[in-house]
Amino acid sequence: MSYLAFCTFDLKNASRQDYDNAYSDLKQIGLERVVVASNNNNVVIPTTSAMGEFNGESVGSVRDFVRDKVKAAFKARGLTSEIFVVVGGNWAWGSTTT
């Protein structure tokens, strides 16, 4: 089954390069800063967040997979972080600006 994963994070005492590296790692995992909406528009996900679609057997297994991959990527770079991952099955999402 396909699931949507949303990840938000905070890096402690991080430089701009640390954030660029973190976003690069997230992209390799499958979490993007820009996603395509159902109307084919590109939507920028708010800063320090990314999301992507993943296949898995359960919502919990996808959550654990994504969380563990993000944790390992950030740890490999020596980053101190807080990571929050939300995964849903039958999802809908939207965005707007003010």
PDB file of N, CA and C in Angstrom:
ATOM      1  N   MET A   1       0.836  -1.168   0.000  1.00  0.00           N
ATOM      2  CA  MET A   1       0.000   0.000   0.000  1.00  0.00           C
ATOM      3  C   MET A   1       0.893   1.247   0.000  1.00  0.00           C
ATOM      4  N   SER A   2       0.378   2.318  -0.576  1.00  0.00           N
ATOM      5  CA  SER A   2       1.118   3.570  -0.635  1.00  0.00           C
ATOM      6  C   SER A   2       0.746   4.470   0.541  1.00  0.00           C
ATOM      7  N   TYR A   3       1.755   5.087   1.136  1.00  0.00           N
ATOM      8  CA  TYR A   3       1.569   5.977   2.285  1.00  0.00           C
ATOM      9  C   TYR A   3       2.276   7.299   2.025  1.00  0.00           C
ATOM     10  N   LEU A   4       1.739   8.350   2.605  1.00  0.00           N
ATOM     11  CA  LEU A   4       2.369   9.662   2.545  1.00  0.00           C
ATOM     12  C   LEU A   4       3.098   9.903   3.854  1.00  0.00           C
ATOM     13  N   ALA A   5       4.368  10.261   3.760  1.00  0.00           N
ATOM     14  CA  ALA A   5       5.170  10.555   4.948  1.00  0.00           C
ATOM     15  C   ALA A   5       5.559  12.024   4.935  1.00  0.00           C
ATOM     16  N   PHE A   6       5.360  12.679   6.068  1.00  0.00           N
ATOM     17  CA  PHE A   6       5.744  14.072   6.262  1.00  0.00           C
ATOM     18  C   PHE A   6       6.765  14.102   7.381  1.00  0.00           C
ATOM     19  N   CYS A   7       7.895  14.731   7.140  1.00  0.00           N
ATOM     20  CA  CYS A   7       8.973  14.797   8.127  1.00  0.00           C
ATOM     21  C   CYS A   7       9.319  16.258   8.370  1.00  0.00           C
ATOM     22  N   THR A   8       9.345  16.632   9.631  1.00  0.00           N
ATOM     23  CA  THR A   8       9.832  17.964   9.992  1.00  0.00           C
ATOM     24  C   THR A   8      10.973  17.776  10.989  1.00  0.00           C
ATOM     25  N   PHE A   9      11.895  18.709  11.002  1.00  0.00           N
ATOM     26  CA  PHE A   9      13.091  18.529  11.826  1.00  0.00           C
ATOM     27  C   PHE A   9      13.643  19.868  12.271  1.00  0.00           C
ATOM     28  N   ASP A  10      14.467  19.801  13.288  1.00  0.00           N
ATOM     29  CA  ASP A  10      15.202  20.963  13.776  1.00  0.00           C
ATOM     30  C   ASP A  10      16.637  20.517  13.990  1.00  0.00           C
ATOM     31  N   LEU A  11      17.563  21.251  13.431  1.00  0.00           N
ATOM     32  CA  LEU A  11      18.982  20.961  13.624  1.00  0.00           C
ATOM     33  C   LEU A  11      19.548  21.940  14.646  1.00  0.00           C
ATOM     34  N   LYS A  12      20.262  21.407  15.603  1.00  0.00           N
ATOM     35  CA  LYS A  12      20.841  22.237  16.664  1.00  0.00           C
ATOM     36  C   LYS A  12      22.195  22.796  16.238  1.00  0.00           C
ATOM     37  N   ASN A  13      22.382  24.106  16.407  1.00  0.00           N
ATOM     38  CA  ASN A  13      23.651  24.773  16.103  1.00  0.00           C
ATOM     39  C   ASN A  13      24.158  24.438  14.706  1.00  0.00           C
ATOM     40  N   ALA A  14      23.262  24.447  13.733  1.00  0.00           N
ATOM     41  CA  ALA A  14      23.601  24.031  12.378  1.00  0.00           C
ATOM     42  C   ALA A  14      23.886  25.238  11.478  1.00  0.00           C
ATOM     43  N   SER A  15      24.750  25.008  10.529  1.00  0.00           N
ATOM     44  CA  SER A  15      25.075  26.024   9.525  1.00  0.00           C
ATOM     45  C   SER A  15      24.146  25.866   8.317  1.00  0.00           C
ATOM     46  N   ARG A  16      24.211  26.817   7.421  1.00  0.00           N
ATOM     47  CA  ARG A  16      23.441  26.724   6.170  1.00  0.00           C
ATOM     48  C   ARG A  16      23.849  25.473   5.403  1.00  0.00           C
ATOM     49  N   GLN A  17      25.147  25.161   5.412  1.00  0.00           N
ATOM     50  CA  GLN A  17      25.633  23.961   4.723  1.00  0.00           C
ATOM     51  C   GLN A  17      25.056  22.700   5.360  1.00  0.00           C
ATOM     52  N   ASP A  18      24.941  22.679   6.690  1.00  0.00           N
ATOM     53  CA  ASP A  18      24.326  21.528   7.371  1.00  0.00           C
ATOM     54  C   ASP A  18      22.898  21.308   6.871  1.00  0.00           C
ATOM     55  N   TYR A  19      22.141  22.393   6.740  1.00  0.00           N
ATOM     56  CA  TYR A  19      20.763  22.288   6.239  1.00  0.00           C
ATOM     57  C   TYR A  19      20.747  21.822   4.786  1.00  0.00           C
ATOM     58  N   ASP A  20      21.635  22.349   3.970  1.00  0.00           N
ATOM     59  CA  ASP A  20      21.703  21.903   2.576  1.00  0.00           C
ATOM     60  C   ASP A  20      22.013  20.407   2.503  1.00  0.00           C
ATOM     61  N   ASN A  21      22.951  19.958   3.339  1.00  0.00           N
ATOM     62  CA  ASN A  21      23.284  18.529   3.377  1.00  0.00           C
ATOM     63  C   ASN A  21      22.098  17.697   3.863  1.00  0.00           C
ATOM     64  N   ALA A  22      21.385  18.194   4.873  1.00  0.00           N
ATOM     65  CA  ALA A  22      20.220  17.475   5.395  1.00  0.00           C
ATOM     66  C   ALA A  22      19.159  17.320   4.309  1.00  0.00           C
ATOM     67  N   TYR A  23      18.862  18.390   3.578  1.00  0.00           N
ATOM     68  CA  TYR A  23      17.874  18.317   2.496  1.00  0.00           C
ATOM     69  C   TYR A  23      18.324  17.348   1.399  1.00  0.00           C
ATOM     70  N   SER A  24      19.611  17.324   1.111  1.00  0.00           N
ATOM     71  CA  SER A  24      20.141  16.377   0.128  1.00  0.00           C
ATOM     72  C   SER A  24      19.922  14.941   0.598  1.00  0.00           C
ATOM     73  N   ASP A  25      20.198  14.687   1.876  1.00  0.00           N
ATOM     74  CA  ASP A  25      19.981  13.347   2.432  1.00  0.00           C
ATOM     75  C   ASP A  25      18.506  12.967   2.393  1.00  0.00           C
ATOM     76  N   LEU A  26      17.630  13.905   2.743  1.00  0.00           N
ATOM     77  CA  LEU A  26      16.191  13.640   2.717  1.00  0.00           C
ATOM     78  C   LEU A  26      15.739  13.292   1.302  1.00  0.00           C
ATOM     79  N   LYS A  27      16.266  13.983   0.318  1.00  0.00           N
ATOM     80  CA  LYS A  27      15.897  13.707  -1.070  1.00  0.00           C
ATOM     81  C   LYS A  27      16.307  12.294  -1.471  1.00  0.00           C
ATOM     82  N   GLN A  28      17.481  11.860  -1.027  1.00  0.00           N
ATOM     83  CA  GLN A  28      17.929  10.498  -1.338  1.00  0.00           C
ATOM     84  C   GLN A  28      17.019   9.450  -0.711  1.00  0.00           C
ATOM     85  N   ILE A  29      16.434   9.764   0.428  1.00  0.00           N
ATOM     86  CA  ILE A  29      15.508   8.852   1.101  1.00  0.00           C
ATOM     87  C   ILE A  29      14.163   8.817   0.369  1.00  0.00           C
ATOM     88  N   GLY A  30      13.805   9.920  -0.294  1.00  0.00           N
ATOM     89  CA  GLY A  30      12.518  10.019  -0.977  1.00  0.00           C
ATOM     90  C   GLY A  30      11.626  11.105  -0.419  1.00  0.00           C
ATOM     91  N   LEU A  31      12.194  11.963   0.427  1.00  0.00           N
ATOM     92  CA  LEU A  31      11.457  13.077   1.014  1.00  0.00           C
ATOM     93  C   LEU A  31      11.863  14.364   0.293  1.00  0.00           C
ATOM     94  N   GLU A  32      10.905  15.029  -0.299  1.00  0.00           N
ATOM     95  CA  GLU A  32      11.174  16.186  -1.146  1.00  0.00           C
ATOM     96  C   GLU A  32      10.722  17.486  -0.495  1.00  0.00           C
ATOM     97  N   ARG A  33      11.387  18.569  -0.848  1.00  0.00           N
ATOM     98  CA  ARG A  33      10.994  19.916  -0.408  1.00  0.00           C
ATOM     99  C   ARG A  33       9.955  20.519  -1.333  1.00  0.00           C
ATOM    100  N   VAL A  34       9.904  20.035  -2.564  1.00  0.00           N
ATOM    101  CA  VAL A  34       8.911  20.479  -3.540  1.00  0.00           C
ATOM    102  C   VAL A  34       8.192  19.237  -4.051  1.00  0.00           C
ATOM    103  N   VAL A  35       6.863  19.234  -3.929  1.00  0.00           N
ATOM    104  CA  VAL A  35       6.060  18.092  -4.382  1.00  0.00           C
ATOM    105  C   VAL A  35       5.052  18.565  -5.422  1.00  0.00           C
ATOM    106  N   VAL A  36       4.572  17.632  -6.220  1.00  0.00           N
ATOM    107  CA  VAL A  36       3.602  17.950  -7.262  1.00  0.00           C
ATOM    108  C   VAL A  36       2.203  17.647  -6.729  1.00  0.00           C
ATOM    109  N   ALA A  37       1.343  18.661  -6.763  1.00  0.00           N
ATOM    110  CA  ALA A  37      -0.038  18.510  -6.303  1.00  0.00           C
ATOM    111  C   ALA A  37      -0.871  17.807  -7.379  1.00  0.00           C
ATOM    112  N   SER A  38      -2.096  17.443  -7.021  1.00  0.00           N
ATOM    113  CA  SER A  38      -2.976  16.743  -7.957  1.00  0.00           C
ATOM    114  C   SER A  38      -3.301  17.583  -9.193  1.00  0.00           C
ATOM    115  N   ASN A  39      -3.174  18.900  -9.100  1.00  0.00           N
ATOM    116  CA  ASN A  39      -3.408  19.768 -10.254  1.00  0.00           C
ATOM    117  C   ASN A  39      -2.116  20.018 -11.055  1.00  0.00           C
ATOM    118  N   ASN A  40      -1.075  19.247 -10.730  1.00  0.00           N
ATOM    119  CA  ASN A  40       0.239  19.302 -11.383  1.00  0.00           C
ATOM    120  C   ASN A  40       1.044  20.553 -11.076  1.00  0.00           C
ATOM    121  N   ASN A  41       0.631  21.344 -10.100  1.00  0.00           N
ATOM    122  CA  ASN A  41       1.425  22.489  -9.650  1.00  0.00           C
ATOM    123  C   ASN A  41       2.500  22.021  -8.687  1.00  0.00           C
ATOM    124  N   ASN A  42       3.661  22.657  -8.752  1.00  0.00           N
ATOM    125  CA  ASN A  42       4.710  22.396  -7.777  1.00  0.00           C
ATOM    126  C   ASN A  42       4.382  23.143  -6.491  1.00  0.00           C
ATOM    127  N   VAL A  43       4.480  22.445  -5.365  1.00  0.00           N
ATOM    128  CA  VAL A  43       4.189  23.036  -4.061  1.00  0.00           C
ATOM    129  C   VAL A  43       5.439  22.932  -3.203  1.00  0.00           C
ATOM    130  N   VAL A  44       5.889  24.065  -2.676  1.00  0.00           N
ATOM    131  CA  VAL A  44       7.053  24.087  -1.796  1.00  0.00           C
ATOM    132  C   VAL A  44       6.585  23.774  -0.380  1.00  0.00           C
ATOM    133  N   ILE A  45       7.184  22.754   0.219  1.00  0.00           N
ATOM    134  CA  ILE A  45       6.879  22.374   1.586  1.00  0.00           C
ATOM    135  C   ILE A  45       7.595  23.366   2.508  1.00  0.00           C
ATOM    136  N   PRO A  46       6.976  23.792   3.623  1.00  0.00           N
ATOM    137  CA  PRO A  46       7.619  24.772   4.505  1.00  0.00           C
ATOM    138  C   PRO A  46       9.023  24.341   4.962  1.00  0.00           C
ATOM    139  N   THR A  47       9.832  25.336   5.258  1.00  0.00           N
ATOM    140  CA  THR A  47      11.214  25.124   5.672  1.00  0.00           C
ATOM    141  C   THR A  47      11.313  24.103   6.796  1.00  0.00           C
ATOM    142  N   THR A  48      12.371  23.348   6.786  1.00  0.00           N
ATOM    143  CA  THR A  48      12.707  22.249   7.704  1.00  0.00           C
ATOM    144  C   THR A  48      11.672  21.147   7.683  1.00  0.00           C
ATOM    145  N   SER A  49      11.053  20.943   6.519  1.00  0.00           N
ATOM    146  CA  SER A  49      10.102  19.850   6.329  1.00  0.00           C
ATOM    147  C   SER A  49      10.278  19.283   4.927  1.00  0.00           C
ATOM    148  N   ALA A  50       9.842  18.048   4.771  1.00  0.00           N
ATOM    149  CA  ALA A  50       9.845  17.390   3.468  1.00  0.00           C
ATOM    150  C   ALA A  50       8.825  16.276   3.513  1.00  0.00           C
ATOM    151  N   MET A  51       8.361  15.832   2.349  1.00  0.00           N
ATOM    152  CA  MET A  51       7.428  14.716   2.337  1.00  0.00           C
ATOM    153  C   MET A  51       7.588  13.897   1.082  1.00  0.00           C
ATOM    154  N   GLY A  52       7.058  12.681   1.136  1.00  0.00           N
ATOM    155  CA  GLY A  52       7.154  11.785  -0.002  1.00  0.00           C
ATOM    156  C   GLY A  52       6.227  10.605   0.162  1.00  0.00           C
ATOM    157  N   GLU A  53       6.040   9.868  -0.923  1.00  0.00           N
ATOM    158  CA  GLU A  53       5.200   8.673  -0.919  1.00  0.00           C
ATOM    159  C   GLU A  53       6.086   7.440  -0.800  1.00  0.00           C
ATOM    160  N   PHE A  54       5.645   6.507   0.015  1.00  0.00           N
ATOM    161  CA  PHE A  54       6.385   5.280   0.255  1.00  0.00           C
ATOM    162  C   PHE A  54       5.424   4.100   0.241  1.00  0.00           C
ATOM    163  N   ASN A  55       5.888   2.970  -0.251  1.00  0.00           N
ATOM    164  CA  ASN A  55       5.107   1.735  -0.192  1.00  0.00           C
ATOM    165  C   ASN A  55       5.550   0.926   1.009  1.00  0.00           C
ATOM    166  N   GLY A  56       4.600   0.261   1.652  1.00  0.00           N
ATOM    167  CA  GLY A  56       4.919  -0.564   2.802  1.00  0.00           C
ATOM    168  C   GLY A  56       3.738  -1.409   3.214  1.00  0.00           C
ATOM    169  N   GLU A  57       3.977  -2.294   4.170  1.00  0.00           N
ATOM    170  CA  GLU A  57       2.933  -3.202   4.638  1.00  0.00           C
ATOM    171  C   GLU A  57       1.988  -2.554   5.637  1.00  0.00           C
ATOM    172  N   SER A  58       2.475  -1.541   6.353  1.00  0.00           N
ATOM    173  CA  SER A  58       1.627  -0.882   7.352  1.00  0.00           C
ATOM    174  C   SER A  58       2.122   0.539   7.573  1.00  0.00           C
ATOM    175  N   VAL A  59       1.239   1.347   8.136  1.00  0.00           N
ATOM    176  CA  VAL A  59       1.607   2.727   8.426  1.00  0.00           C
ATOM    177  C   VAL A  59       2.779   2.775   9.416  1.00  0.00           C
ATOM    178  N   GLY A  60       2.759   1.880  10.391  1.00  0.00           N
ATOM    179  CA  GLY A  60       3.834   1.841  11.382  1.00  0.00           C
ATOM    180  C   GLY A  60       5.176   1.447  10.786  1.00  0.00           C
ATOM    181  N   SER A  61       5.153   0.498   9.850  1.00  0.00           N
ATOM    182  CA  SER A  61       6.423   0.072   9.248  1.00  0.00           C
ATOM    183  C   SER A  61       7.012   1.174   8.374  1.00  0.00           C
ATOM    184  N   VAL A  62       6.163   1.931   7.686  1.00  0.00           N
ATOM    185  CA  VAL A  62       6.651   3.050   6.876  1.00  0.00           C
ATOM    186  C   VAL A  62       7.179   4.147   7.785  1.00  0.00           C
ATOM    187  N   ARG A  63       6.445   4.448   8.870  1.00  0.00           N
ATOM    188  CA  ARG A  63       6.922   5.456   9.836  1.00  0.00           C
ATOM    189  C   ARG A  63       8.301   5.077  10.346  1.00  0.00           C
ATOM    190  N   ASP A  64       8.468   3.839  10.771  1.00  0.00           N
ATOM    191  CA  ASP A  64       9.753   3.399  11.312  1.00  0.00           C
ATOM    192  C   ASP A  64      10.855   3.461  10.263  1.00  0.00           C
ATOM    193  N   PHE A  65      10.529   3.059   9.028  1.00  0.00           N
ATOM    194  CA  PHE A  65      11.515   3.085   7.944  1.00  0.00           C
ATOM    195  C   PHE A  65      12.004   4.508   7.697  1.00  0.00           C
ATOM    196  N   VAL A  66      11.055   5.430   7.523  1.00  0.00           N
ATOM    197  CA  VAL A  66      11.420   6.819   7.229  1.00  0.00           C
ATOM    198  C   VAL A  66      12.171   7.435   8.401  1.00  0.00           C
ATOM    199  N   ARG A  67      11.649   7.269   9.613  1.00  0.00           N
ATOM    200  CA  ARG A  67      12.298   7.833  10.799  1.00  0.00           C
ATOM    201  C   ARG A  67      13.723   7.311  10.951  1.00  0.00           C
ATOM    202  N   ASP A  68      13.903   5.998  10.787  1.00  0.00           N
ATOM    203  CA  ASP A  68      15.228   5.410  10.952  1.00  0.00           C
ATOM    204  C   ASP A  68      16.201   5.876   9.873  1.00  0.00           C
ATOM    205  N   LYS A  69      15.709   6.032   8.638  1.00  0.00           N
ATOM    206  CA  LYS A  69      16.568   6.504   7.549  1.00  0.00           C
ATOM    207  C   LYS A  69      17.003   7.960   7.779  1.00  0.00           C
ATOM    208  N   VAL A  70      16.073   8.802   8.203  1.00  0.00           N
ATOM    209  CA  VAL A  70      16.411  10.206   8.472  1.00  0.00           C
ATOM    210  C   VAL A  70      17.401  10.282   9.632  1.00  0.00           C
ATOM    211  N   LYS A  71      17.135   9.544  10.686  1.00  0.00           N
ATOM    212  CA  LYS A  71      18.024   9.545  11.858  1.00  0.00           C
ATOM    213  C   LYS A  71      19.433   9.105  11.464  1.00  0.00           C
ATOM    214  N   ALA A  72      19.529   8.038  10.689  1.00  0.00           N
ATOM    215  CA  ALA A  72      20.845   7.525  10.290  1.00  0.00           C
ATOM    216  C   ALA A  72      21.582   8.530   9.405  1.00  0.00           C
ATOM    217  N   ALA A  73      20.865   9.180   8.499  1.00  0.00           N
ATOM    218  CA  ALA A  73      21.506  10.160   7.606  1.00  0.00           C
ATOM    219  C   ALA A  73      22.035  11.343   8.394  1.00  0.00           C
ATOM    220  N   PHE A  74      21.222  11.868   9.308  1.00  0.00           N
ATOM    221  CA  PHE A  74      21.655  13.017  10.101  1.00  0.00           C
ATOM    222  C   PHE A  74      22.795  12.632  11.048  1.00  0.00           C
ATOM    223  N   LYS A  75      22.704  11.444  11.634  1.00  0.00           N
ATOM    224  CA  LYS A  75      23.756  10.982  12.550  1.00  0.00           C
ATOM    225  C   LYS A  75      25.079  10.810  11.802  1.00  0.00           C
ATOM    226  N   ALA A  76      25.011  10.296  10.568  1.00  0.00           N
ATOM    227  CA  ALA A  76      26.229  10.096   9.771  1.00  0.00           C
ATOM    228  C   ALA A  76      26.928  11.424   9.493  1.00  0.00           C
ATOM    229  N   ARG A  77      26.179  12.505   9.459  1.00  0.00           N
ATOM    230  CA  ARG A  77      26.759  13.836   9.245  1.00  0.00           C
ATOM    231  C   ARG A  77      27.152  14.508  10.554  1.00  0.00           C
ATOM    232  N   GLY A  78      26.891  13.861  11.685  1.00  0.00           N
ATOM    233  CA  GLY A  78      27.234  14.432  12.979  1.00  0.00           C
ATOM    234  C   GLY A  78      26.280  15.527  13.414  1.00  0.00           C
ATOM    235  N   LEU A  79      25.061  15.534  12.868  1.00  0.00           N
ATOM    236  CA  LEU A  79      24.078  16.558  13.210  1.00  0.00           C
ATOM    237  C   LEU A  79      23.299  16.167  14.456  1.00  0.00           C
ATOM    238  N   THR A  80      23.068  17.109  15.323  1.00  0.00           N
ATOM    239  CA  THR A  80      22.181  16.918  16.473  1.00  0.00           C
ATOM    240  C   THR A  80      20.816  17.448  16.051  1.00  0.00           C
ATOM    241  N   SER A  81      19.778  16.627  16.195  1.00  0.00           N
ATOM    242  CA  SER A  81      18.494  17.024  15.627  1.00  0.00           C
ATOM    243  C   SER A  81      17.320  16.512  16.442  1.00  0.00           C
ATOM    244  N   GLU A  82      16.187  17.129  16.172  1.00  0.00           N
ATOM    245  CA  GLU A  82      14.884  16.614  16.583  1.00  0.00           C
ATOM    246  C   GLU A  82      14.165  16.267  15.293  1.00  0.00           C
ATOM    247  N   ILE A  83      13.577  15.080  15.217  1.00  0.00           N
ATOM    248  CA  ILE A  83      12.932  14.599  14.001  1.00  0.00           C
ATOM    249  C   ILE A  83      11.517  14.169  14.345  1.00  0.00           C
ATOM    250  N   PHE A  84      10.554  14.605  13.537  1.00  0.00           N
ATOM    251  CA  PHE A  84       9.163  14.221  13.738  1.00  0.00           C
ATOM    252  C   PHE A  84       8.616  13.733  12.404  1.00  0.00           C
ATOM    253  N   VAL A  85       8.090  12.509  12.387  1.00  0.00           N
ATOM    254  CA  VAL A  85       7.579  11.893  11.164  1.00  0.00           C
ATOM    255  C   VAL A  85       6.116  11.520  11.366  1.00  0.00           C
ATOM    256  N   VAL A  86       5.277  11.908  10.410  1.00  0.00           N
ATOM    257  CA  VAL A  86       3.868  11.540  10.397  1.00  0.00           C
ATOM    258  C   VAL A  86       3.608  10.778   9.105  1.00  0.00           C
ATOM    259  N   VAL A  87       2.892   9.663   9.204  1.00  0.00           N
ATOM    260  CA  VAL A  87       2.582   8.852   8.026  1.00  0.00           C
ATOM    261  C   VAL A  87       1.087   8.572   8.007  1.00  0.00           C
ATOM    262  N   GLY A  88       0.484   8.694   6.829  1.00  0.00           N
ATOM    263  CA  GLY A  88      -0.939   8.417   6.687  1.00  0.00           C
ATOM    264  C   GLY A  88      -1.212   7.607   5.442  1.00  0.00           C
ATOM    265  N   GLY A  89      -2.314   6.882   5.459  1.00  0.00           N
ATOM    266  CA  GLY A  89      -2.686   6.026   4.340  1.00  0.00           C
ATOM    267  C   GLY A  89      -3.607   6.719   3.354  1.00  0.00           C
ATOM    268  N   ASN A  90      -4.815   6.973   3.722  1.00  0.00           N
ATOM    269  CA  ASN A  90      -5.806   7.580   2.837  1.00  0.00           C
ATOM    270  C   ASN A  90      -5.748   9.088   3.035  1.00  0.00           C
ATOM    271  N   TRP A  91      -4.800   9.734   2.376  1.00  0.00           N
ATOM    272  CA  TRP A  91      -4.472  11.103   2.704  1.00  0.00           C
ATOM    273  C   TRP A  91      -5.067  12.131   1.743  1.00  0.00           C
ATOM    274  N   ALA A  92      -5.098  13.326   2.242  1.00  0.00           N
ATOM    275  CA  ALA A  92      -5.373  14.518   1.441  1.00  0.00           C
ATOM    276  C   ALA A  92      -4.513  15.622   2.027  1.00  0.00           C
ATOM    277  N   TRP A  93      -3.977  16.472   1.203  1.00  0.00           N
ATOM    278  CA  TRP A  93      -3.174  17.574   1.704  1.00  0.00           C
ATOM    279  C   TRP A  93      -3.418  18.798   0.831  1.00  0.00           C
ATOM    280  N   GLY A  94      -3.092  19.931   1.369  1.00  0.00           N
ATOM    281  CA  GLY A  94      -3.247  21.178   0.640  1.00  0.00           C
ATOM    282  C   GLY A  94      -2.249  22.189   1.163  1.00  0.00           C
ATOM    283  N   SER A  95      -2.067  23.237   0.407  1.00  0.00           N
ATOM    284  CA  SER A  95      -1.161  24.297   0.851  1.00  0.00           C
ATOM    285  C   SER A  95      -1.716  25.631   0.387  1.00  0.00           C
ATOM    286  N   THR A  96      -1.237  26.672   1.020  1.00  0.00           N
ATOM    287  CA  THR A  96      -1.612  28.032   0.653  1.00  0.00           C
ATOM    288  C   THR A  96      -0.566  28.983   1.201  1.00  0.00           C
ATOM    289  N   THR A  97      -0.627  30.190   0.776  1.00  0.00           N
ATOM    290  CA  THR A  97       0.263  31.218   1.303  1.00  0.00           C
ATOM    291  C   THR A  97      -0.559  32.434   1.693  1.00  0.00           C
ATOM    292  N   THR A  98       0.038  33.303   2.501  1.00  0.00           N
ATOM    293  CA  THR A  98      -0.637  34.539   2.865  1.00  0.00           C
ATOM    294  C   THR A  98       0.164  35.719   2.383  1.00  0.00           C
TER     295      THR A  98
END
